[in-house]
Amino acid sequence: MYNGIGLKTPRGSGTSGYVQKNLSFVKPKTQNYDPNALPPKKHVPSDDILLYRSKRQVEVECLEYEEELLSSGDYTEEEVREKVDAFQKRQYARLEDKLQRSKKEVLIEEKQMEMERLREAFGIEKGAKEGRAFNFESEQERGERLARIAEEERKQEKKRVYHR
């Protein structure tokens, strides 16, 4: 043992007892926090990618609409095709309007739509506030509890004044 490091005796350890430095250990790098540093830039997809996503979404909606009309059985093949073409024209007109707005607005709208889908998928109410799931008592119960505590403190204060 050298400077309190290593084995007191190498007997039974299967080693010579010689202490070596672990050369394979990599020390973690420390990061110096710079409060003046700019936050990392968020990736904004190119116009082509946004256009492709939007066109693909329009085509998916058209196919779903076509399947819906065909499964209802109320229309002939030609009527379905005409309705789908009209629907597709409306969707592409809406897409053109959407492209006139900035990329940032489009990303914000897409994120809101995604959050809405997630909210519906998880069954979260529209008026739900973040963190309310951890409030185990209602506002009324909390008010009553605080009123009881205040009343007890007033009684304690009266006892202290009385006993002086």
C-alpha atoms as a PDB file:
ATOM      1  CA  MET A   1       0.000   0.000   0.000  1.00  0.00           C
ATOM      2  CA  TYR A   2       1.360   3.408  -0.983  1.00  0.00           C
ATOM      3  CA  ASN A   3      -0.114   6.619   0.419  1.00  0.00           C
ATOM      4  CA  GLY A   4      -3.243   4.756   1.498  1.00  0.00           C
ATOM      5  CA  ILE A   5      -3.916   3.545  -2.051  1.00  0.00           C
ATOM      6  CA  GLY A   6      -3.984  -0.067  -3.166  1.00  0.00           C
ATOM      7  CA  LEU A   7      -4.145  -3.399  -1.393  1.00  0.00           C
ATOM      8  CA  LYS A   8      -2.682  -3.903   2.065  1.00  0.00           C
ATOM      9  CA  THR A   9      -1.492  -7.291   0.899  1.00  0.00           C
ATOM     10  CA  PRO A  10      -1.621  -8.750  -2.618  1.00  0.00           C
ATOM     11  CA  ARG A  11      -2.203 -12.256  -1.294  1.00  0.00           C
ATOM     12  CA  GLY A  12      -5.211 -13.914  -2.854  1.00  0.00           C
ATOM     13  CA  SER A  13      -5.962 -11.025  -5.201  1.00  0.00           C
ATOM     14  CA  GLY A  14      -4.288 -12.520  -8.255  1.00  0.00           C
ATOM     15  CA  THR A  15      -2.241  -9.337  -8.737  1.00  0.00           C
ATOM     16  CA  SER A  16       1.236  -8.192  -7.823  1.00  0.00           C
ATOM     17  CA  GLY A  17      -0.238  -5.386  -5.750  1.00  0.00           C
ATOM     18  CA  TYR A  18       1.392  -2.749  -7.932  1.00  0.00           C
ATOM     19  CA  VAL A  19      -0.862   0.328  -8.260  1.00  0.00           C
ATOM     20  CA  GLN A  20      -1.170   1.929 -11.692  1.00  0.00           C
ATOM     21  CA  LYS A  21      -2.989   4.910 -13.048  1.00  0.00           C
ATOM     22  CA  ASN A  22      -6.055   4.132 -15.188  1.00  0.00           C
ATOM     23  CA  LEU A  23      -4.999   5.544 -18.548  1.00  0.00           C
ATOM     24  CA  SER A  24      -8.319   4.697 -20.248  1.00  0.00           C
ATOM     25  CA  PHE A  25     -10.355   7.046 -18.020  1.00  0.00           C
ATOM     26  CA  VAL A  26     -11.346  10.259 -19.786  1.00  0.00           C
ATOM     27  CA  LYS A  27     -12.159  13.154 -17.517  1.00  0.00           C
ATOM     28  CA  PRO A  28     -15.400  14.936 -18.387  1.00  0.00           C
ATOM     29  CA  LYS A  29     -14.880  18.373 -19.836  1.00  0.00           C
ATOM     30  CA  THR A  30     -16.225  21.205 -17.768  1.00  0.00           C
ATOM     31  CA  GLN A  31     -18.357  23.734 -19.574  1.00  0.00           C
ATOM     32  CA  ASN A  32     -18.014  27.328 -18.595  1.00  0.00           C
ATOM     33  CA  TYR A  33     -21.377  29.066 -18.574  1.00  0.00           C
ATOM     34  CA  ASP A  34     -21.353  32.327 -20.483  1.00  0.00           C
ATOM     35  CA  PRO A  35     -24.468  34.393 -19.705  1.00  0.00           C
ATOM     36  CA  ASN A  36     -23.804  36.610 -22.727  1.00  0.00           C
ATOM     37  CA  ALA A  37     -23.712  33.690 -25.152  1.00  0.00           C
ATOM     38  CA  LEU A  38     -26.506  33.545 -27.702  1.00  0.00           C
ATOM     39  CA  PRO A  39     -28.959  30.641 -27.493  1.00  0.00           C
ATOM     40  CA  PRO A  40     -28.517  27.984 -30.178  1.00  0.00           C
ATOM     41  CA  LYS A  41     -30.334  28.714 -33.410  1.00  0.00           C
ATOM     42  CA  LYS A  42     -33.393  26.618 -34.120  1.00  0.00           C
ATOM     43  CA  HIS A  43     -33.462  24.701 -37.346  1.00  0.00           C
ATOM     44  CA  VAL A  44     -35.944  26.097 -39.821  1.00  0.00           C
ATOM     45  CA  PRO A  45     -36.678  23.831 -42.788  1.00  0.00           C
ATOM     46  CA  SER A  46     -36.272  25.180 -46.279  1.00  0.00           C
ATOM     47  CA  ASP A  47     -39.172  26.390 -48.400  1.00  0.00           C
ATOM     48  CA  ASP A  48     -38.955  23.296 -50.593  1.00  0.00           C
ATOM     49  CA  ILE A  49     -39.359  20.969 -47.631  1.00  0.00           C
ATOM     50  CA  LEU A  50     -42.321  22.945 -46.325  1.00  0.00           C
ATOM     51  CA  LEU A  51     -43.918  22.936 -49.778  1.00  0.00           C
ATOM     52  CA  TYR A  52     -43.377  19.185 -50.125  1.00  0.00           C
ATOM     53  CA  ARG A  53     -44.895  18.508 -46.693  1.00  0.00           C
ATOM     54  CA  SER A  54     -47.911  20.649 -47.491  1.00  0.00           C
ATOM     55  CA  LYS A  55     -48.529  19.074 -50.910  1.00  0.00           C
ATOM     56  CA  ARG A  56     -48.197  15.619 -49.452  1.00  0.00           C
ATOM     57  CA  GLN A  57     -50.717  16.485 -46.732  1.00  0.00           C
ATOM     58  CA  VAL A  58     -53.150  17.750 -49.391  1.00  0.00           C
ATOM     59  CA  GLU A  59     -52.817  14.497 -51.335  1.00  0.00           C
ATOM     60  CA  VAL A  60     -53.385  12.440 -48.189  1.00  0.00           C
ATOM     61  CA  GLU A  61     -56.525  14.451 -47.361  1.00  0.00           C
ATOM     62  CA  CYS A  62     -57.800  13.966 -50.929  1.00  0.00           C
ATOM     63  CA  LEU A  63     -57.259  10.203 -50.752  1.00  0.00           C
ATOM     64  CA  GLU A  64     -59.041  10.007 -47.393  1.00  0.00           C
ATOM     65  CA  TYR A  65     -61.945  12.058 -48.777  1.00  0.00           C
ATOM     66  CA  GLU A  66     -62.129   9.793 -51.852  1.00  0.00           C
ATOM     67  CA  GLU A  67     -62.169   6.648 -49.684  1.00  0.00           C
ATOM     68  CA  GLU A  68     -64.868   8.165 -47.505  1.00  0.00           C
ATOM     69  CA  LEU A  69     -67.067   8.936 -50.530  1.00  0.00           C
ATOM     70  CA  LEU A  70     -66.505   5.509 -52.080  1.00  0.00           C
ATOM     71  CA  SER A  71     -67.260   3.675 -48.837  1.00  0.00           C
ATOM     72  CA  SER A  72     -70.555   5.565 -48.407  1.00  0.00           C
ATOM     73  CA  GLY A  73     -71.765   4.157 -51.748  1.00  0.00           C
ATOM     74  CA  ASP A  74     -73.965   7.207 -52.471  1.00  0.00           C
ATOM     75  CA  TYR A  75     -71.985   8.387 -55.507  1.00  0.00           C
ATOM     76  CA  THR A  76     -70.798   6.914 -58.787  1.00  0.00           C
ATOM     77  CA  GLU A  77     -67.108   6.754 -59.705  1.00  0.00           C
ATOM     78  CA  GLU A  78     -67.406   9.861 -61.893  1.00  0.00           C
ATOM     79  CA  GLU A  79     -69.225  11.892 -59.223  1.00  0.00           C
ATOM     80  CA  VAL A  80     -66.602  10.876 -56.674  1.00  0.00           C
ATOM     81  CA  ARG A  81     -63.815  11.947 -59.034  1.00  0.00           C
ATOM     82  CA  GLU A  82     -65.474  15.348 -59.603  1.00  0.00           C
ATOM     83  CA  LYS A  83     -65.984  15.914 -55.874  1.00  0.00           C
ATOM     84  CA  VAL A  84     -62.395  14.919 -55.115  1.00  0.00           C
ATOM     85  CA  ASP A  85     -61.086  17.246 -57.865  1.00  0.00           C
ATOM     86  CA  ALA A  86     -63.101  20.149 -56.450  1.00  0.00           C
ATOM     87  CA  PHE A  87     -61.882  19.314 -52.956  1.00  0.00           C
ATOM     88  CA  GLN A  88     -58.299  19.126 -54.222  1.00  0.00           C
ATOM     89  CA  LYS A  89     -58.600  22.552 -55.899  1.00  0.00           C
ATOM     90  CA  ARG A  90     -59.891  24.078 -52.650  1.00  0.00           C
ATOM     91  CA  GLN A  91     -57.066  22.484 -50.696  1.00  0.00           C
ATOM     92  CA  TYR A  92     -54.418  23.753 -53.138  1.00  0.00           C
ATOM     93  CA  ALA A  93     -55.968  27.232 -53.008  1.00  0.00           C
ATOM     94  CA  ARG A  94     -55.714  27.090 -49.222  1.00  0.00           C
ATOM     95  CA  LEU A  95     -52.118  25.932 -49.608  1.00  0.00           C
ATOM     96  CA  GLU A  96     -51.295  28.916 -51.834  1.00  0.00           C
ATOM     97  CA  ASP A  97     -52.668  31.248 -49.151  1.00  0.00           C
ATOM     98  CA  LYS A  98     -50.619  29.444 -46.563  1.00  0.00           C
ATOM     99  CA  LEU A  99     -47.443  29.822 -48.624  1.00  0.00           C
ATOM    100  CA  GLN A 100     -47.919  33.574 -48.724  1.00  0.00           C
ATOM    101  CA  ARG A 101     -47.342  33.744 -44.986  1.00  0.00           C
ATOM    102  CA  SER A 102     -43.888  33.515 -43.468  1.00  0.00           C
ATOM    103  CA  LYS A 103     -42.166  30.240 -42.592  1.00  0.00           C
ATOM    104  CA  LYS A 104     -42.326  31.113 -38.923  1.00  0.00           C
ATOM    105  CA  GLU A 105     -46.103  31.416 -38.994  1.00  0.00           C
ATOM    106  CA  VAL A 106     -46.328  28.076 -40.781  1.00  0.00           C
ATOM    107  CA  LEU A 107     -44.117  26.380 -38.196  1.00  0.00           C
ATOM    108  CA  ILE A 108     -46.132  27.892 -35.350  1.00  0.00           C
ATOM    109  CA  GLU A 109     -49.393  26.725 -36.934  1.00  0.00           C
ATOM    110  CA  GLU A 110     -48.013  23.217 -37.519  1.00  0.00           C
ATOM    111  CA  LYS A 111     -46.827  23.021 -33.911  1.00  0.00           C
ATOM    112  CA  GLN A 112     -50.238  24.154 -32.647  1.00  0.00           C
ATOM    113  CA  MET A 113     -51.938  21.518 -34.802  1.00  0.00           C
ATOM    114  CA  GLU A 114     -49.531  18.869 -33.479  1.00  0.00           C
ATOM    115  CA  MET A 115     -50.183  19.934 -29.882  1.00  0.00           C
ATOM    116  CA  GLU A 116     -53.942  19.822 -30.551  1.00  0.00           C
ATOM    117  CA  ARG A 117     -53.643  16.259 -31.907  1.00  0.00           C
ATOM    118  CA  LEU A 118     -51.602  15.221 -28.867  1.00  0.00           C
ATOM    119  CA  ARG A 119     -54.096  16.887 -26.524  1.00  0.00           C
ATOM    120  CA  GLU A 120     -56.921  14.918 -28.144  1.00  0.00           C
ATOM    121  CA  ALA A 121     -54.896  11.681 -28.157  1.00  0.00           C
ATOM    122  CA  PHE A 122     -54.128  11.927 -24.444  1.00  0.00           C
ATOM    123  CA  GLY A 123     -57.630  13.139 -23.560  1.00  0.00           C
ATOM    124  CA  ILE A 124     -56.507  16.416 -22.031  1.00  0.00           C
ATOM    125  CA  GLU A 125     -59.229  19.025 -21.538  1.00  0.00           C
ATOM    126  CA  LYS A 126     -58.998  22.279 -23.496  1.00  0.00           C
ATOM    127  CA  GLY A 127     -58.867  24.512 -20.433  1.00  0.00           C
ATOM    128  CA  ALA A 128     -56.286  22.355 -18.627  1.00  0.00           C
ATOM    129  CA  LYS A 129     -53.327  24.173 -17.120  1.00  0.00           C
ATOM    130  CA  GLU A 130     -49.855  22.721 -16.858  1.00  0.00           C
ATOM    131  CA  GLY A 131     -49.035  21.321 -13.442  1.00  0.00           C
ATOM    132  CA  ARG A 132     -52.632  21.129 -12.225  1.00  0.00           C
ATOM    133  CA  ALA A 133     -52.385  17.341 -12.063  1.00  0.00           C
ATOM    134  CA  PHE A 134     -50.079  17.760  -9.075  1.00  0.00           C
ATOM    135  CA  ASN A 135     -52.626  19.834  -7.144  1.00  0.00           C
ATOM    136  CA  PHE A 136     -54.206  17.142  -5.039  1.00  0.00           C
ATOM    137  CA  GLU A 137     -56.744  19.444  -3.460  1.00  0.00           C
ATOM    138  CA  SER A 138     -59.252  21.721  -5.135  1.00  0.00           C
ATOM    139  CA  GLU A 139     -59.121  25.483  -4.839  1.00  0.00           C
ATOM    140  CA  GLN A 140     -62.082  25.413  -2.449  1.00  0.00           C
ATOM    141  CA  GLU A 141     -60.421  22.786  -0.215  1.00  0.00           C
ATOM    142  CA  ARG A 142     -57.204  24.800  -0.229  1.00  0.00           C
ATOM    143  CA  GLY A 143     -59.074  27.957   0.774  1.00  0.00           C
ATOM    144  CA  GLU A 144     -60.818  26.123   3.594  1.00  0.00           C
ATOM    145  CA  ARG A 145     -57.524  24.657   4.812  1.00  0.00           C
ATOM    146  CA  LEU A 146     -55.843  28.074   4.795  1.00  0.00           C
ATOM    147  CA  ALA A 147     -58.814  29.577   6.659  1.00  0.00           C
ATOM    148  CA  ARG A 148     -58.539  26.851   9.339  1.00  0.00           C
ATOM    149  CA  ILE A 149     -54.828  27.505   9.705  1.00  0.00           C
ATOM    150  CA  ALA A 150     -55.417  31.251  10.026  1.00  0.00           C
ATOM    151  CA  GLU A 151     -58.110  30.640  12.666  1.00  0.00           C
ATOM    152  CA  GLU A 152     -55.790  28.345  14.641  1.00  0.00           C
ATOM    153  CA  GLU A 153     -53.040  30.970  14.509  1.00  0.00           C
ATOM    154  CA  ARG A 154     -55.475  33.605  15.856  1.00  0.00           C
ATOM    155  CA  LYS A 155     -56.425  31.275  18.725  1.00  0.00           C
ATOM    156  CA  GLN A 156     -52.752  30.627  19.490  1.00  0.00           C
ATOM    157  CA  GLU A 157     -52.067  34.372  19.507  1.00  0.00           C
ATOM    158  CA  LYS A 158     -54.980  34.970  21.919  1.00  0.00           C
ATOM    159  CA  LYS A 159     -53.612  32.270  24.241  1.00  0.00           C
ATOM    160  CA  ARG A 160     -50.154  33.869  24.170  1.00  0.00           C
ATOM    161  CA  VAL A 161     -51.600  37.295  24.994  1.00  0.00           C
ATOM    162  CA  TYR A 162     -53.789  35.817  27.752  1.00  0.00           C
ATOM    163  CA  HIS A 163     -50.887  33.927  29.400  1.00  0.00           C
ATOM    164  CA  ARG A 164     -48.616  37.005  29.612  1.00  0.00           C
END
